[in-house]
Amino acid sequence: SLDRWPEDYERGRPGWPAEVVDVPGLPPEATVLELGAGTGKLTRLLVSTFGRVIAVEPAEAMRRLLTSLCPEAEALAGTAEEIPLENASVDAVFAAEAFHRFDGGRALAEIARVLRPGGPLVLLWNLPAGPTEPSSIAAAEQLLQQRGPTRAEAGYDPVDLNTTRYESGAWREPFAESPFEELREARLPNPQTIDRDGLVAFFASMGWIGDLPDEERLPLLDDLRSLLAAAEYERQWETRVHWARLAA
């Protein structure tokens, strides 16, 4: 599905509050790395803040869109488990809506390798934080719940962004045996205004929908669109920011 839904991901998914890149002690001339950069939603904040931004993304289709939308970043093919950079070459590492998909132990070892001592690792997630208005979205969500997998089958809410692994806290476990100091957390409001087609794109960016063959996927999206009566929707998200410094 990664070959065909980057545009839906870009149009439908929420972005990030500007404050997430305000990291104490990280100067404007810093070199920062983003892992699992996707279409560059966070990357665009990083390039407006820091001197050099390296964006690593394994999916070619996502990387192409990132490069077109954020040419200021250095986009590289790679993964969190095999980062294509030299030892101690970056001042900070960011991962947005991605760390729960990494092999945590291997990723933390690689991040520690490329990060300079004392540098921060910043992890971000957007979680639902209240009802969407107007409430006509409820009919569309009910349709998806009827036709889609259960949360247990998908590993995430089939109509939202809250993953089972994030909610369970399992992503934290590798930090206990890592060279990183204690994780800290902040929560930031992140409201999103989105039009009808953008909301359809959000649903289309769900992995289980993206994996459907077109003869199933396209009629499902048409059905969703027919249930969304408003021209614009207000969605409530809360950005969870977790960070830890590499021990000096």
Protein backbone atom coordinates (compact mmCIF):
# COMPACT_ATOMS: atom_id res chain seq x y z
CA SER A 1 0.00 0.00 0.00
CA LEU A 2 2.96 2.35 0.44
CA ASP A 3 3.11 2.80 -3.35
CA ARG A 4 -0.34 4.32 -3.59
CA TRP A 5 -1.33 6.08 -0.40
CA PRO A 6 1.39 8.70 0.27
CA GLU A 7 -0.83 11.44 -1.16
CA ASP A 8 -3.73 10.34 1.07
CA TYR A 9 -1.35 10.27 4.04
CA GLU A 10 -0.13 13.77 3.24
CA ARG A 11 -3.58 15.24 2.72
CA GLY A 12 -5.46 13.53 5.53
CA ARG A 13 -3.12 13.00 8.48
CA PRO A 14 -2.69 15.76 11.07
CA GLY A 15 0.56 17.69 11.21
CA TRP A 16 2.47 18.72 14.34
CA PRO A 17 2.46 21.73 16.68
CA ALA A 18 5.42 24.05 16.10
CA GLU A 19 6.52 23.59 19.74
CA VAL A 20 7.62 19.98 19.16
CA VAL A 21 10.90 21.15 17.62
CA ASP A 22 11.67 23.54 20.50
CA VAL A 23 14.20 21.32 22.27
CA PRO A 24 16.17 22.92 25.14
CA GLY A 25 19.87 23.23 24.38
CA LEU A 26 19.53 22.40 20.67
CA PRO A 27 20.92 25.38 18.71
CA PRO A 28 19.63 26.61 15.31
CA GLU A 29 22.81 25.43 13.58
CA ALA A 30 22.29 21.83 14.75
CA THR A 31 22.29 18.82 12.45
CA VAL A 32 19.16 16.76 13.11
CA LEU A 33 17.98 13.39 11.84
CA GLU A 34 14.39 12.32 11.29
CA LEU A 35 13.63 8.59 11.07
CA GLY A 36 10.55 7.27 9.26
CA ALA A 37 10.06 10.75 7.81
CA GLY A 38 7.10 9.76 5.61
CA THR A 39 5.88 12.64 3.44
CA GLY A 40 7.74 15.22 5.53
CA LYS A 41 5.04 16.60 7.83
CA LEU A 42 7.55 16.99 10.66
CA THR A 43 10.48 17.52 8.29
CA ARG A 44 9.07 20.88 7.20
CA LEU A 45 9.12 22.13 10.79
CA LEU A 46 12.66 20.85 11.24
CA VAL A 47 14.08 22.59 8.16
CA SER A 48 12.56 25.89 9.27
CA THR A 49 14.32 25.53 12.64
CA PHE A 50 17.69 23.82 12.19
CA GLY A 51 20.71 24.26 9.95
CA ARG A 52 20.84 20.76 8.48
CA VAL A 53 18.06 18.16 8.35
CA ILE A 54 18.53 14.56 7.22
CA ALA A 55 15.28 12.68 6.57
CA VAL A 56 15.51 8.88 6.41
CA GLU A 57 12.52 7.06 4.90
CA PRO A 58 12.47 3.44 3.64
CA ALA A 59 9.50 3.70 1.24
CA GLU A 60 10.45 5.11 -2.14
CA ALA A 61 6.96 6.50 -2.87
CA MET A 62 6.90 8.37 0.43
CA ARG A 63 10.44 9.63 -0.13
CA ARG A 64 9.58 11.01 -3.58
CA LEU A 65 6.73 13.05 -2.13
CA LEU A 66 8.89 14.22 0.78
CA THR A 67 11.57 15.42 -1.64
CA SER A 68 9.06 17.37 -3.73
CA LEU A 69 7.42 18.99 -0.70
CA CYS A 70 10.58 19.62 1.31
CA PRO A 71 13.61 19.93 -1.00
CA GLU A 72 15.62 21.62 1.76
CA ALA A 73 16.01 18.31 3.60
CA GLU A 74 18.51 15.62 2.65
CA ALA A 75 16.26 12.63 1.94
CA LEU A 76 17.95 9.23 2.25
CA ALA A 77 16.79 5.65 1.89
CA GLY A 78 17.26 3.71 5.09
CA THR A 79 15.66 2.43 8.27
CA ALA A 80 15.92 3.08 11.98
CA GLU A 81 17.69 -0.27 12.33
CA GLU A 82 20.25 0.56 9.60
CA ILE A 83 20.87 4.31 9.51
CA PRO A 84 23.09 5.41 6.58
CA LEU A 85 25.18 7.87 8.62
CA GLU A 86 28.55 7.97 10.36
CA ASN A 87 29.06 7.55 14.10
CA ALA A 88 28.27 10.59 16.28
CA SER A 89 27.21 12.65 13.25
CA VAL A 90 23.94 14.27 14.43
CA ASP A 91 22.89 16.48 17.33
CA ALA A 92 19.33 15.18 17.70
CA VAL A 93 17.03 12.46 16.37
CA PHE A 94 13.27 12.76 15.79
CA ALA A 95 10.68 10.10 14.92
CA ALA A 96 7.03 11.07 14.36
CA GLU A 97 4.27 8.45 14.40
CA ALA A 98 6.94 5.83 13.72
CA PHE A 99 8.81 4.42 16.72
CA HIS A 100 6.15 1.80 17.51
CA ARG A 101 6.94 0.22 14.11
CA PHE A 102 10.69 0.01 14.75
CA ASP A 103 12.56 -2.95 16.19
CA GLY A 104 13.07 -0.99 19.40
CA GLY A 105 16.31 -2.55 20.64
CA ARG A 106 18.09 -2.44 17.29
CA ALA A 107 16.80 1.04 16.55
CA LEU A 108 17.97 2.47 19.88
CA ALA A 109 21.43 0.97 19.36
CA GLU A 110 21.65 2.57 15.90
CA ILE A 111 20.32 5.90 17.15
CA ALA A 112 22.89 5.87 19.96
CA ARG A 113 25.60 5.19 17.37
CA VAL A 114 24.80 8.21 15.16
CA LEU A 115 23.81 10.59 17.98
CA ARG A 116 26.40 12.73 19.71
CA PRO A 117 26.70 12.24 23.50
CA GLY A 118 24.03 14.19 25.36
CA GLY A 119 21.90 14.54 22.24
CA PRO A 120 18.11 14.15 22.50
CA LEU A 121 15.88 11.53 20.93
CA VAL A 122 12.37 12.97 20.44
CA LEU A 123 9.39 10.69 19.73
CA LEU A 124 5.97 11.99 18.66
CA TRP A 125 2.47 10.58 18.34
CA ASN A 126 -0.91 12.17 17.58
CA LEU A 127 -3.79 10.68 19.54
CA PRO A 128 -7.53 11.42 19.36
CA ALA A 129 -8.50 13.89 22.07
CA GLY A 130 -12.19 14.55 21.60
CA PRO A 131 -15.12 14.25 19.22
CA THR A 132 -14.97 15.51 15.65
CA GLU A 133 -17.45 18.25 14.78
CA PRO A 134 -19.86 18.15 13.09
CA SER A 135 -20.87 14.72 14.30
CA SER A 136 -21.86 13.41 10.86
CA ILE A 137 -18.45 11.69 10.86
CA ALA A 138 -19.97 9.06 13.18
CA ALA A 139 -21.85 7.38 10.31
CA ALA A 140 -18.67 7.08 8.28
CA GLU A 141 -16.77 5.59 11.21
CA GLN A 142 -19.58 3.11 11.84
CA LEU A 143 -19.39 1.98 8.21
CA LEU A 144 -15.65 1.37 8.52
CA GLN A 145 -16.06 -0.53 11.77
CA GLN A 146 -18.61 -2.78 10.10
CA ARG A 147 -16.47 -3.48 7.03
CA GLY A 148 -12.98 -3.34 8.45
CA PRO A 149 -10.86 -5.48 10.79
CA THR A 150 -11.20 -5.34 14.54
CA ARG A 151 -8.63 -3.45 16.57
CA ALA A 152 -7.13 -6.78 17.65
CA GLU A 153 -6.80 -7.91 14.04
CA ALA A 154 -5.33 -4.64 12.75
CA GLY A 155 -3.10 -3.80 15.73
CA TYR A 156 -4.57 -0.29 15.76
CA ASP A 157 -7.95 1.41 15.77
CA PRO A 158 -9.24 0.85 12.19
CA VAL A 159 -10.70 4.37 12.06
CA ASP A 160 -8.09 6.28 14.07
CA LEU A 161 -4.38 6.63 14.91
CA ASN A 162 -4.09 5.08 18.37
CA THR A 163 -1.96 1.95 17.91
CA THR A 164 -2.14 -0.99 20.28
CA ARG A 165 1.61 -0.91 20.81
CA TYR A 166 1.67 2.77 21.75
CA GLU A 167 -1.28 2.45 24.11
CA SER A 168 0.19 -0.64 25.80
CA GLY A 169 3.51 1.09 26.43
CA ALA A 170 5.40 -1.81 24.84
CA TRP A 171 7.48 0.66 22.81
CA ARG A 172 9.07 1.90 26.07
CA GLU A 173 10.51 -1.47 27.07
CA PRO A 174 13.77 -1.33 25.03
CA PHE A 175 14.76 1.92 26.77
CA ALA A 176 15.42 0.01 30.01
CA GLU A 177 18.49 -1.64 28.47
CA SER A 178 19.57 1.33 26.34
CA PRO A 179 22.19 4.06 26.89
CA PHE A 180 19.43 6.70 27.07
CA GLU A 181 18.47 8.59 30.19
CA GLU A 182 14.93 8.61 31.59
CA LEU A 183 12.08 9.34 29.17
CA ARG A 184 10.16 12.54 29.73
CA GLU A 185 6.74 13.44 28.35
CA ALA A 186 4.71 16.48 27.32
CA ARG A 187 1.22 16.78 25.84
CA LEU A 188 0.21 19.47 23.39
CA PRO A 189 -3.19 20.29 21.84
CA ASN A 190 -3.15 19.85 18.08
CA PRO A 191 -6.55 20.70 16.50
CA GLN A 192 -6.98 20.02 12.78
CA THR A 193 -9.39 21.68 10.35
CA ILE A 194 -9.98 19.44 7.34
CA ASP A 195 -12.37 19.44 4.37
CA ARG A 196 -14.53 16.51 3.25
CA ASP A 197 -12.04 15.15 0.72
CA GLY A 198 -9.23 15.50 3.27
CA LEU A 199 -11.22 13.44 5.75
CA VAL A 200 -11.79 10.76 3.12
CA ALA A 201 -8.03 10.85 2.48
CA PHE A 202 -7.43 10.36 6.20
CA PHE A 203 -9.49 7.18 6.19
CA ALA A 204 -7.85 6.06 2.94
CA SER A 205 -4.46 6.38 4.67
CA MET A 206 -5.36 3.60 7.10
CA GLY A 207 -3.20 0.62 6.21
CA TRP A 208 -6.04 -1.87 5.95
CA ILE A 209 -7.85 0.33 3.42
CA GLY A 210 -4.69 1.03 1.45
CA ASP A 211 -4.13 -2.72 1.12
CA LEU A 212 -7.54 -3.37 -0.43
CA PRO A 213 -7.70 -4.01 -4.20
CA ASP A 214 -9.09 -1.02 -6.11
CA GLU A 215 -12.35 -2.78 -6.88
CA GLU A 216 -13.04 -2.86 -3.12
CA ARG A 217 -11.19 0.26 -1.98
CA LEU A 218 -12.65 2.82 -4.39
CA PRO A 219 -16.35 1.94 -3.80
CA LEU A 220 -15.70 1.98 -0.05
CA LEU A 221 -14.25 5.49 -0.28
CA ASP A 222 -17.22 6.59 -2.39
CA ASP A 223 -19.56 5.24 0.29
CA LEU A 224 -17.63 7.16 2.95
CA ARG A 225 -17.79 10.38 0.96
CA SER A 226 -21.58 10.03 0.59
CA LEU A 227 -21.93 9.87 4.39
CA LEU A 228 -19.94 13.03 5.08
CA ALA A 229 -22.43 15.88 4.77
CA ALA A 230 -20.32 18.82 5.98
CA ALA A 231 -17.84 20.73 3.82
CA GLU A 232 -15.39 21.05 6.74
CA TYR A 233 -14.60 19.22 9.96
CA GLU A 234 -12.80 20.12 13.19
CA ARG A 235 -10.78 17.24 14.60
CA GLN A 236 -9.25 17.21 18.09
CA TRP A 237 -5.80 15.65 18.49
CA GLU A 238 -3.32 15.60 21.33
CA THR A 239 0.36 15.36 20.45
CA ARG A 240 2.32 13.19 22.86
CA VAL A 241 6.00 14.17 22.96
CA HIS A 242 8.47 11.77 24.59
CA TRP A 243 12.16 12.54 24.78
CA ALA A 244 15.34 11.23 26.35
CA ARG A 245 18.99 12.22 26.10
CA LEU A 246 21.83 9.91 25.20
CA ALA A 247 24.04 9.51 28.24
CA ALA A 248 27.17 11.63 27.93
